[in-house]
Amino acid sequence: MTETDDVMTAAGTADSRVIDESVIDEAVRLIDRGLADLLHRELVSTDEISDLLLDVRMLLTAADLASVATPLVEEPVGA
């Protein structure tokens, strides 16, 4: 139903503050578009509201996970 732009960059290539700001800006744009679409309607289904909230949550969660991601340390099995 809604579209999001990919605002994530490869780990270590950008300052996490820039990523955080761009993700927050995208989340605000997503909310604004959703509210503008729903504003002129008298009835709104719970599915539409759920979709909007899930899109925002997914965007913010992905940014949070990317900002705390650490490189994978390979260890032998059974070590």
Protein backbone atom coordinates (compact mmCIF):
# COMPACT_ATOMS: atom_id res chain seq x y z
CA MET A 1 0.00 0.00 0.00
CA THR A 2 2.73 2.49 0.90
CA GLU A 3 6.18 2.89 -0.57
CA THR A 4 9.41 3.54 1.28
CA ASP A 5 12.73 4.65 -0.14
CA ASP A 6 15.84 2.69 0.73
CA VAL A 7 17.82 5.03 2.97
CA MET A 8 20.29 2.49 4.29
CA THR A 9 23.91 2.52 3.19
CA ALA A 10 26.62 -0.06 3.56
CA ALA A 11 27.97 -0.43 7.09
CA GLY A 12 30.90 1.84 7.80
CA THR A 13 30.43 4.09 4.76
CA ALA A 14 28.36 6.81 6.38
CA ASP A 15 28.09 8.48 9.73
CA SER A 16 25.33 6.85 11.80
CA ARG A 17 23.92 10.28 12.60
CA VAL A 18 23.34 10.93 8.89
CA ILE A 19 21.59 7.57 8.57
CA ASP A 20 19.46 8.27 11.63
CA GLU A 21 18.41 11.70 10.34
CA SER A 22 17.58 10.39 6.88
CA VAL A 23 15.55 7.52 8.36
CA ILE A 24 13.64 9.89 10.63
CA ASP A 25 13.00 12.22 7.69
CA GLU A 26 11.70 9.29 5.61
CA ALA A 27 9.47 8.14 8.48
CA VAL A 28 8.01 11.65 8.79
CA ARG A 29 7.38 11.79 5.02
CA LEU A 30 5.69 8.38 5.18
CA ILE A 31 3.44 9.54 8.02
CA ASP A 32 2.62 12.81 6.22
CA ARG A 33 1.70 10.98 3.00
CA GLY A 34 -0.46 8.52 4.91
CA LEU A 35 -2.24 11.23 6.86
CA ALA A 36 -2.81 13.32 3.74
CA ASP A 37 -4.36 10.31 2.05
CA LEU A 38 -6.61 9.56 5.02
CA LEU A 39 -7.54 13.15 5.84
CA HIS A 40 -10.33 13.56 3.26
CA ARG A 41 -12.03 10.28 4.14
CA GLU A 42 -14.72 9.75 6.74
CA LEU A 43 -14.02 6.06 7.30
CA VAL A 44 -10.62 4.44 7.43
CA SER A 45 -10.11 0.71 7.83
CA THR A 46 -7.94 -0.62 10.59
CA ASP A 47 -5.94 -2.50 7.96
CA GLU A 48 -4.89 0.78 6.35
CA ILE A 49 -3.81 2.24 9.68
CA SER A 50 -1.99 -0.98 10.57
CA ASP A 51 -0.14 -0.91 7.23
CA LEU A 52 0.99 2.67 7.81
CA LEU A 53 2.16 1.95 11.35
CA LEU A 54 3.94 -1.23 10.30
CA ASP A 55 5.74 0.61 7.48
CA VAL A 56 6.98 3.25 9.91
CA ARG A 57 7.98 0.61 12.47
CA MET A 58 9.84 -1.42 9.84
CA LEU A 59 11.75 1.64 8.66
CA LEU A 60 12.78 2.67 12.18
CA THR A 61 13.62 -0.88 13.28
CA ALA A 62 15.80 -1.50 10.23
CA ALA A 63 17.70 1.73 10.91
CA ASP A 64 18.15 0.81 14.57
CA LEU A 65 19.46 -2.65 13.69
CA ALA A 66 21.85 -1.23 11.10
CA SER A 67 23.26 1.31 13.54
CA VAL A 68 24.13 -1.34 16.16
CA ALA A 69 25.25 -4.05 13.76
CA THR A 70 28.69 -5.43 14.49
CA PRO A 71 30.88 -7.42 12.14
CA LEU A 72 30.42 -11.17 12.27
CA VAL A 73 33.30 -12.93 14.02
CA GLU A 74 33.86 -16.34 12.54
CA GLU A 75 34.71 -19.04 15.07
CA PRO A 76 35.05 -22.75 14.47
CA VAL A 77 32.09 -24.86 15.52
CA GLY A 78 32.65 -26.41 18.94
CA ALA A 79 35.27 -23.89 20.01
